[in-house]
N, C-alpha and C. Protein backbone atom coordinates (compact mmCIF):
# COMPACT_ATOMS: atom_id res chain seq x y z
N MET A 1 13.82 -36.64 53.78
CA MET A 1 15.12 -37.26 53.81
C MET A 1 15.62 -37.46 52.37
N LEU A 2 16.91 -37.17 52.18
CA LEU A 2 17.54 -37.41 50.89
C LEU A 2 18.17 -38.79 50.91
N THR A 3 17.73 -39.66 50.01
CA THR A 3 18.34 -40.98 49.84
C THR A 3 19.14 -40.91 48.55
N ILE A 4 20.45 -41.20 48.66
CA ILE A 4 21.34 -40.99 47.52
C ILE A 4 22.41 -42.06 47.49
N HIS A 5 22.80 -42.46 46.29
CA HIS A 5 23.85 -43.44 46.11
C HIS A 5 25.20 -42.84 46.52
N ALA A 6 26.02 -43.61 47.23
CA ALA A 6 27.32 -43.14 47.70
C ALA A 6 28.22 -42.68 46.55
N LYS A 7 28.12 -43.29 45.39
CA LYS A 7 28.96 -42.90 44.24
C LYS A 7 28.61 -41.48 43.77
N LEU A 8 27.34 -41.09 43.88
CA LEU A 8 26.96 -39.72 43.53
C LEU A 8 27.55 -38.73 44.53
N VAL A 9 27.55 -39.09 45.80
CA VAL A 9 28.15 -38.22 46.83
C VAL A 9 29.65 -38.10 46.56
N GLU A 10 30.31 -39.21 46.27
CA GLU A 10 31.74 -39.18 45.96
C GLU A 10 32.03 -38.28 44.76
N ALA A 11 31.17 -38.32 43.74
CA ALA A 11 31.36 -37.49 42.55
C ALA A 11 31.18 -36.00 42.87
N MET A 12 30.19 -35.68 43.70
CA MET A 12 30.00 -34.27 44.10
C MET A 12 31.22 -33.77 44.88
N LEU A 13 31.69 -34.60 45.83
CA LEU A 13 32.85 -34.21 46.64
C LEU A 13 34.09 -34.03 45.77
N ALA A 14 34.31 -34.93 44.83
CA ALA A 14 35.48 -34.82 43.95
C ALA A 14 35.41 -33.55 43.12
N GLN A 15 34.25 -33.23 42.58
CA GLN A 15 34.08 -32.00 41.79
C GLN A 15 34.33 -30.77 42.65
N ALA A 16 33.79 -30.78 43.87
CA ALA A 16 33.94 -29.62 44.76
C ALA A 16 35.40 -29.39 45.13
N HIS A 17 36.12 -30.46 45.41
CA HIS A 17 37.53 -30.30 45.78
C HIS A 17 38.39 -29.93 44.58
N LYS A 18 38.03 -30.41 43.39
CA LYS A 18 38.75 -30.04 42.17
C LYS A 18 38.55 -28.56 41.86
N ASP A 19 37.34 -28.05 42.04
CA ASP A 19 37.03 -26.65 41.72
C ASP A 19 37.47 -25.67 42.80
N HIS A 20 37.72 -26.14 44.01
CA HIS A 20 38.11 -25.27 45.13
C HIS A 20 39.33 -24.44 44.72
N PRO A 21 39.40 -23.15 44.98
CA PRO A 21 38.56 -22.39 45.90
C PRO A 21 37.31 -21.77 45.27
N ILE A 22 37.04 -22.02 43.99
CA ILE A 22 35.81 -21.53 43.37
C ILE A 22 34.66 -22.44 43.79
N GLU A 23 33.50 -21.86 44.07
CA GLU A 23 32.34 -22.69 44.41
C GLU A 23 31.97 -23.55 43.21
N THR A 24 31.75 -24.82 43.47
CA THR A 24 31.31 -25.75 42.44
C THR A 24 29.78 -25.77 42.43
N CYS A 25 29.20 -26.31 41.37
CA CYS A 25 27.74 -26.43 41.34
C CYS A 25 27.31 -27.48 40.33
N GLY A 26 26.09 -27.94 40.48
CA GLY A 26 25.54 -28.91 39.56
C GLY A 26 24.21 -29.43 40.03
N ILE A 27 23.70 -30.41 39.30
CA ILE A 27 22.43 -31.02 39.68
C ILE A 27 22.55 -32.54 39.54
N ILE A 28 21.63 -33.22 40.17
CA ILE A 28 21.47 -34.65 39.95
C ILE A 28 20.01 -34.85 39.55
N ALA A 29 19.83 -35.33 38.33
CA ALA A 29 18.49 -35.52 37.77
C ALA A 29 17.99 -36.92 38.10
N GLY A 30 16.69 -37.04 38.08
CA GLY A 30 16.04 -38.34 38.27
C GLY A 30 14.66 -38.31 37.63
N PRO A 31 14.04 -39.47 37.51
CA PRO A 31 12.71 -39.52 36.90
C PRO A 31 11.71 -38.60 37.62
N THR A 32 10.90 -37.91 36.85
CA THR A 32 9.92 -36.99 37.41
C THR A 32 9.03 -37.72 38.41
N GLY A 33 8.89 -37.10 39.59
CA GLY A 33 8.03 -37.63 40.64
C GLY A 33 8.63 -38.77 41.44
N SER A 34 9.88 -39.13 41.20
CA SER A 34 10.46 -40.31 41.85
C SER A 34 11.26 -40.00 43.11
N ASN A 35 11.80 -38.79 43.25
CA ASN A 35 12.70 -38.44 44.34
C ASN A 35 13.94 -39.35 44.35
N LEU A 36 14.33 -39.85 43.18
CA LEU A 36 15.44 -40.80 43.04
C LEU A 36 16.56 -40.17 42.22
N PRO A 37 17.62 -39.65 42.87
CA PRO A 37 18.72 -39.03 42.13
C PRO A 37 19.55 -40.08 41.40
N LEU A 38 19.71 -39.89 40.08
CA LEU A 38 20.41 -40.89 39.27
C LEU A 38 21.55 -40.33 38.42
N ARG A 39 21.33 -39.18 37.77
CA ARG A 39 22.25 -38.70 36.74
C ARG A 39 22.88 -37.37 37.16
N LEU A 40 24.18 -37.41 37.50
CA LEU A 40 24.89 -36.22 37.94
C LEU A 40 25.29 -35.39 36.73
N ILE A 41 24.99 -34.09 36.81
CA ILE A 41 25.31 -33.15 35.73
C ILE A 41 26.08 -31.98 36.33
N PRO A 42 27.41 -31.99 36.20
CA PRO A 42 28.19 -30.84 36.68
C PRO A 42 27.81 -29.61 35.86
N MET A 43 27.70 -28.48 36.53
CA MET A 43 27.35 -27.23 35.86
C MET A 43 28.53 -26.26 35.98
N ARG A 44 28.58 -25.29 35.07
CA ARG A 44 29.60 -24.25 35.11
C ARG A 44 29.14 -23.12 36.04
N ASN A 45 30.02 -22.71 36.92
CA ASN A 45 29.76 -21.55 37.76
C ASN A 45 30.28 -20.32 37.03
N VAL A 46 29.38 -19.62 36.34
CA VAL A 46 29.82 -18.45 35.56
C VAL A 46 30.24 -17.29 36.46
N ALA A 47 29.89 -17.32 37.73
CA ALA A 47 30.33 -16.28 38.65
C ALA A 47 31.82 -16.42 38.96
N GLN A 48 32.36 -17.64 38.83
CA GLN A 48 33.77 -17.89 39.15
C GLN A 48 34.15 -17.23 40.47
N SER A 49 33.31 -17.46 41.48
CA SER A 49 33.46 -16.81 42.77
C SER A 49 33.75 -17.84 43.87
N GLU A 50 34.46 -17.38 44.89
CA GLU A 50 34.71 -18.21 46.06
C GLU A 50 33.53 -18.16 47.04
N THR A 51 32.58 -17.26 46.80
CA THR A 51 31.48 -17.09 47.76
C THR A 51 30.10 -17.13 47.12
N PHE A 52 30.02 -17.43 45.83
CA PHE A 52 28.73 -17.37 45.15
C PHE A 52 28.79 -18.27 43.93
N PHE A 53 27.65 -18.90 43.60
CA PHE A 53 27.61 -19.67 42.36
C PHE A 53 26.42 -19.21 41.53
N LYS A 54 26.59 -19.31 40.23
CA LYS A 54 25.50 -19.01 39.29
C LYS A 54 25.66 -19.96 38.11
N PHE A 55 24.61 -20.72 37.82
CA PHE A 55 24.64 -21.60 36.66
C PHE A 55 24.83 -20.77 35.40
N ASP A 56 25.59 -21.30 34.46
CA ASP A 56 25.71 -20.70 33.14
C ASP A 56 24.30 -20.70 32.54
N PRO A 57 23.74 -19.53 32.16
CA PRO A 57 22.35 -19.48 31.69
C PRO A 57 22.07 -20.38 30.48
N GLN A 58 22.99 -20.43 29.52
CA GLN A 58 22.76 -21.27 28.34
C GLN A 58 22.78 -22.76 28.72
N GLN A 59 23.74 -23.14 29.56
CA GLN A 59 23.81 -24.53 30.00
C GLN A 59 22.57 -24.88 30.83
N HIS A 60 22.15 -23.96 31.68
CA HIS A 60 20.97 -24.16 32.52
C HIS A 60 19.76 -24.48 31.65
N LEU A 61 19.53 -23.65 30.63
CA LEU A 61 18.39 -23.86 29.73
C LEU A 61 18.51 -25.21 29.01
N GLN A 62 19.69 -25.52 28.51
CA GLN A 62 19.90 -26.78 27.79
C GLN A 62 19.66 -27.98 28.69
N VAL A 63 20.18 -27.94 29.91
CA VAL A 63 20.03 -29.07 30.85
C VAL A 63 18.56 -29.26 31.22
N TRP A 64 17.84 -28.17 31.50
CA TRP A 64 16.43 -28.29 31.87
C TRP A 64 15.60 -28.82 30.69
N ARG A 65 15.92 -28.38 29.49
CA ARG A 65 15.21 -28.90 28.30
C ARG A 65 15.47 -30.40 28.12
N THR A 66 16.71 -30.81 28.30
CA THR A 66 17.06 -32.23 28.17
C THR A 66 16.35 -33.05 29.24
N MET A 67 16.32 -32.54 30.47
CA MET A 67 15.59 -33.26 31.53
C MET A 67 14.12 -33.42 31.15
N GLU A 68 13.52 -32.35 30.66
CA GLU A 68 12.11 -32.41 30.29
C GLU A 68 11.88 -33.47 29.21
N MET A 69 12.75 -33.49 28.20
CA MET A 69 12.61 -34.48 27.13
C MET A 69 12.79 -35.91 27.64
N ARG A 70 13.62 -36.08 28.66
CA ARG A 70 13.89 -37.41 29.21
C ARG A 70 12.92 -37.80 30.33
N GLY A 71 11.98 -36.92 30.65
CA GLY A 71 11.05 -37.20 31.75
C GLY A 71 11.73 -37.15 33.10
N GLU A 72 12.64 -36.19 33.25
CA GLU A 72 13.40 -36.04 34.49
C GLU A 72 13.13 -34.67 35.12
N GLU A 73 13.57 -34.56 36.36
CA GLU A 73 13.54 -33.29 37.07
C GLU A 73 14.78 -33.20 37.94
N PRO A 74 15.12 -31.99 38.43
CA PRO A 74 16.29 -31.85 39.30
C PRO A 74 15.96 -32.36 40.71
N ILE A 75 16.46 -33.52 41.04
CA ILE A 75 16.21 -34.08 42.38
C ILE A 75 17.12 -33.40 43.40
N VAL A 76 18.38 -33.19 43.02
CA VAL A 76 19.37 -32.54 43.88
C VAL A 76 19.97 -31.36 43.12
N ILE A 77 20.07 -30.23 43.81
CA ILE A 77 20.82 -29.08 43.32
C ILE A 77 21.93 -28.88 44.34
N TYR A 78 23.18 -28.95 43.88
CA TYR A 78 24.28 -28.89 44.83
C TYR A 78 25.27 -27.78 44.50
N HIS A 79 25.95 -27.34 45.54
CA HIS A 79 27.07 -26.41 45.38
C HIS A 79 27.95 -26.50 46.62
N SER A 80 29.13 -25.90 46.52
CA SER A 80 30.03 -25.93 47.66
C SER A 80 30.08 -24.58 48.35
N HIS A 81 30.49 -24.63 49.60
CA HIS A 81 30.85 -23.42 50.35
C HIS A 81 32.32 -23.56 50.66
N THR A 82 33.12 -22.62 50.19
CA THR A 82 34.57 -22.73 50.29
C THR A 82 35.15 -22.10 51.56
N HIS A 83 34.39 -21.22 52.20
CA HIS A 83 34.92 -20.54 53.39
C HIS A 83 33.93 -20.50 54.55
N THR A 84 32.78 -21.11 54.39
CA THR A 84 31.77 -21.09 55.44
C THR A 84 31.19 -22.48 55.64
N GLN A 85 30.41 -22.61 56.69
CA GLN A 85 29.77 -23.90 56.97
C GLN A 85 28.76 -24.26 55.88
N ALA A 86 28.38 -25.52 55.87
CA ALA A 86 27.41 -26.02 54.88
C ALA A 86 26.00 -25.70 55.37
N TYR A 87 25.61 -24.44 55.19
CA TYR A 87 24.25 -23.98 55.52
C TYR A 87 23.89 -22.92 54.48
N PRO A 88 22.65 -22.94 53.98
CA PRO A 88 22.28 -21.98 52.93
C PRO A 88 22.47 -20.53 53.35
N SER A 89 23.14 -19.77 52.49
CA SER A 89 23.29 -18.33 52.71
C SER A 89 21.99 -17.63 52.32
N ARG A 90 21.91 -16.36 52.62
CA ARG A 90 20.72 -15.59 52.20
C ARG A 90 20.57 -15.63 50.68
N THR A 91 21.70 -15.56 49.96
CA THR A 91 21.66 -15.62 48.50
C THR A 91 21.17 -16.99 48.04
N ASP A 92 21.66 -18.06 48.69
CA ASP A 92 21.20 -19.41 48.34
C ASP A 92 19.69 -19.51 48.48
N VAL A 93 19.16 -18.99 49.56
CA VAL A 93 17.72 -19.04 49.82
C VAL A 93 16.97 -18.21 48.78
N GLN A 94 17.49 -17.04 48.48
CA GLN A 94 16.85 -16.14 47.52
C GLN A 94 16.74 -16.79 46.14
N TYR A 95 17.76 -17.55 45.73
CA TYR A 95 17.78 -18.13 44.39
C TYR A 95 17.26 -19.57 44.33
N ALA A 96 16.75 -20.08 45.43
CA ALA A 96 16.21 -21.45 45.45
C ALA A 96 14.83 -21.43 44.80
N THR A 97 14.75 -21.93 43.57
CA THR A 97 13.51 -21.85 42.80
C THR A 97 12.86 -23.20 42.53
N GLU A 98 13.42 -24.26 43.08
CA GLU A 98 12.90 -25.62 42.85
C GLU A 98 12.45 -26.20 44.20
N PRO A 99 11.20 -25.95 44.61
CA PRO A 99 10.76 -26.37 45.94
C PRO A 99 10.77 -27.88 46.17
N ALA A 100 10.73 -28.68 45.11
CA ALA A 100 10.74 -30.13 45.29
C ALA A 100 12.16 -30.70 45.37
N SER A 101 13.17 -29.87 45.09
CA SER A 101 14.55 -30.35 45.07
C SER A 101 15.18 -30.37 46.46
N HIS A 102 16.19 -31.22 46.59
CA HIS A 102 17.06 -31.25 47.77
C HIS A 102 18.23 -30.33 47.45
N TYR A 103 18.52 -29.39 48.33
CA TYR A 103 19.64 -28.49 48.14
C TYR A 103 20.80 -29.00 49.00
N VAL A 104 21.84 -29.52 48.33
CA VAL A 104 22.98 -30.10 49.02
C VAL A 104 24.13 -29.10 49.00
N ILE A 105 24.75 -28.93 50.16
CA ILE A 105 25.91 -28.04 50.28
C ILE A 105 27.10 -28.85 50.76
N ILE A 106 28.22 -28.64 50.08
CA ILE A 106 29.46 -29.37 50.34
C ILE A 106 30.49 -28.38 50.90
N PRO A 107 30.94 -28.58 52.15
CA PRO A 107 31.97 -27.69 52.68
C PRO A 107 33.35 -28.11 52.18
N THR A 108 34.14 -27.15 51.67
CA THR A 108 35.48 -27.48 51.20
C THR A 108 36.58 -26.71 51.91
N GLY A 109 36.21 -25.78 52.77
CA GLY A 109 37.21 -25.02 53.50
C GLY A 109 37.85 -25.87 54.58
N PRO A 110 39.13 -25.63 54.88
CA PRO A 110 39.84 -26.46 55.87
C PRO A 110 39.26 -26.38 57.28
N ALA A 111 38.56 -25.31 57.60
CA ALA A 111 37.98 -25.18 58.94
C ALA A 111 36.68 -25.97 59.10
N TYR A 112 36.13 -26.48 57.99
CA TYR A 112 34.84 -27.16 58.03
C TYR A 112 35.01 -28.58 57.50
N THR A 113 35.09 -29.53 58.42
CA THR A 113 35.33 -30.92 58.02
C THR A 113 34.07 -31.76 58.04
N GLU A 114 32.93 -31.12 58.24
CA GLU A 114 31.68 -31.87 58.29
C GLU A 114 31.33 -32.46 56.92
N GLU A 115 30.44 -33.40 56.92
CA GLU A 115 29.99 -34.03 55.69
C GLU A 115 29.00 -33.13 54.96
N ILE A 116 28.55 -33.57 53.80
CA ILE A 116 27.54 -32.81 53.06
C ILE A 116 26.29 -32.67 53.91
N ARG A 117 25.55 -31.62 53.65
CA ARG A 117 24.27 -31.41 54.33
C ARG A 117 23.23 -31.13 53.26
N SER A 118 21.98 -31.54 53.55
CA SER A 118 20.89 -31.35 52.59
C SER A 118 19.77 -30.56 53.23
N PHE A 119 19.15 -29.71 52.42
CA PHE A 119 18.09 -28.83 52.90
C PHE A 119 16.94 -28.81 51.89
N ARG A 120 15.76 -28.54 52.40
CA ARG A 120 14.61 -28.18 51.57
C ARG A 120 14.45 -26.68 51.75
N ILE A 121 14.25 -25.98 50.66
CA ILE A 121 14.05 -24.53 50.71
C ILE A 121 12.77 -24.22 49.97
N VAL A 122 11.75 -23.81 50.72
CA VAL A 122 10.43 -23.53 50.15
C VAL A 122 9.95 -22.19 50.69
N ASP A 123 9.64 -21.28 49.79
CA ASP A 123 9.13 -19.95 50.16
C ASP A 123 10.01 -19.27 51.21
N GLY A 124 11.33 -19.38 51.03
CA GLY A 124 12.26 -18.73 51.94
C GLY A 124 12.51 -19.46 53.24
N MET A 125 11.83 -20.56 53.46
CA MET A 125 12.00 -21.34 54.70
C MET A 125 13.00 -22.47 54.45
N VAL A 126 14.00 -22.59 55.33
CA VAL A 126 15.05 -23.60 55.20
C VAL A 126 14.82 -24.69 56.24
N THR A 127 14.77 -25.94 55.78
CA THR A 127 14.62 -27.08 56.68
C THR A 127 15.71 -28.08 56.36
N GLU A 128 16.54 -28.38 57.35
CA GLU A 128 17.57 -29.39 57.13
C GLU A 128 16.93 -30.77 57.17
N GLU A 129 17.49 -31.69 56.38
CA GLU A 129 16.97 -33.05 56.34
C GLU A 129 18.13 -34.04 56.45
N ARG A 130 17.81 -35.24 56.84
CA ARG A 130 18.81 -36.31 56.94
C ARG A 130 19.26 -36.70 55.54
N VAL A 131 20.51 -37.18 55.46
CA VAL A 131 21.05 -37.73 54.22
C VAL A 131 21.33 -39.20 54.47
N ARG A 132 20.74 -40.03 53.65
CA ARG A 132 20.93 -41.48 53.75
C ARG A 132 21.67 -41.94 52.51
N MET A 133 22.92 -42.40 52.69
CA MET A 133 23.71 -42.87 51.56
C MET A 133 23.60 -44.38 51.45
N LEU A 134 23.43 -44.84 50.22
CA LEU A 134 23.29 -46.27 49.96
C LEU A 134 24.40 -46.72 49.01
N GLY A 135 24.80 -47.98 49.15
CA GLY A 135 25.76 -48.58 48.24
C GLY A 135 25.13 -49.03 46.95
N SER A 136 23.81 -49.23 46.98
CA SER A 136 23.06 -49.58 45.77
C SER A 136 21.61 -49.18 46.01
N TYR A 137 20.91 -48.94 44.90
CA TYR A 137 19.50 -48.59 44.99
C TYR A 137 18.66 -49.85 44.91
N LYS A 138 17.61 -49.86 45.73
CA LYS A 138 16.58 -50.89 45.59
C LYS A 138 15.66 -50.41 44.47
N THR A 139 14.61 -51.11 44.23
CA THR A 139 13.66 -50.65 43.22
C THR A 139 13.02 -49.35 43.69
N GLU A 140 12.53 -48.59 42.77
CA GLU A 140 11.88 -47.32 43.09
C GLU A 140 10.72 -47.53 44.07
N TRP A 141 9.95 -48.59 43.88
CA TRP A 141 8.82 -48.87 44.76
C TRP A 141 9.30 -49.11 46.18
N GLU A 142 10.38 -49.89 46.34
CA GLU A 142 10.91 -50.16 47.68
C GLU A 142 11.41 -48.90 48.34
N LEU A 143 12.05 -48.02 47.57
CA LEU A 143 12.53 -46.75 48.13
C LEU A 143 11.36 -45.90 48.60
N SER A 144 10.28 -45.87 47.86
CA SER A 144 9.14 -45.04 48.26
C SER A 144 8.50 -45.56 49.54
N MET A 145 8.66 -46.84 49.82
CA MET A 145 8.07 -47.42 51.03
C MET A 145 8.86 -47.04 52.28
N VAL A 146 10.18 -46.72 52.15
CA VAL A 146 10.97 -46.39 53.32
C VAL A 146 11.17 -44.88 53.49
N ALA A 147 10.83 -44.11 52.48
CA ALA A 147 11.05 -42.66 52.55
C ALA A 147 10.01 -41.97 53.40
């Protein structure tokens, strides 16, 4: 289950709607081993595509280095789908390289009014998970007890 602050969800949605019809993308970092998304980092979609996203390679390297220096990891990797439902495409599955991350998809097309959806993608296997939005975070220890 993905437990996430409502303000982070609002920020992802705002970015996705601002970037529409181009797919938006980004990550939410958190302390290594915590499963606690805290710091939203919008990324550039160098593909500039309505059906595909690709992180800017230089930005990708810089963000991952900064996370490592800060003792963080990518808790959430998110992107939008502008013309299809919020379910990982074959390309999404192929490029999913962070097995511990939650892969969040935001639908922005007018035919898809559903909320964000979150998935785990490990070795090509896609598993949908519940999304639990909170108005505030409890302590990390308390969150680990309910997850």
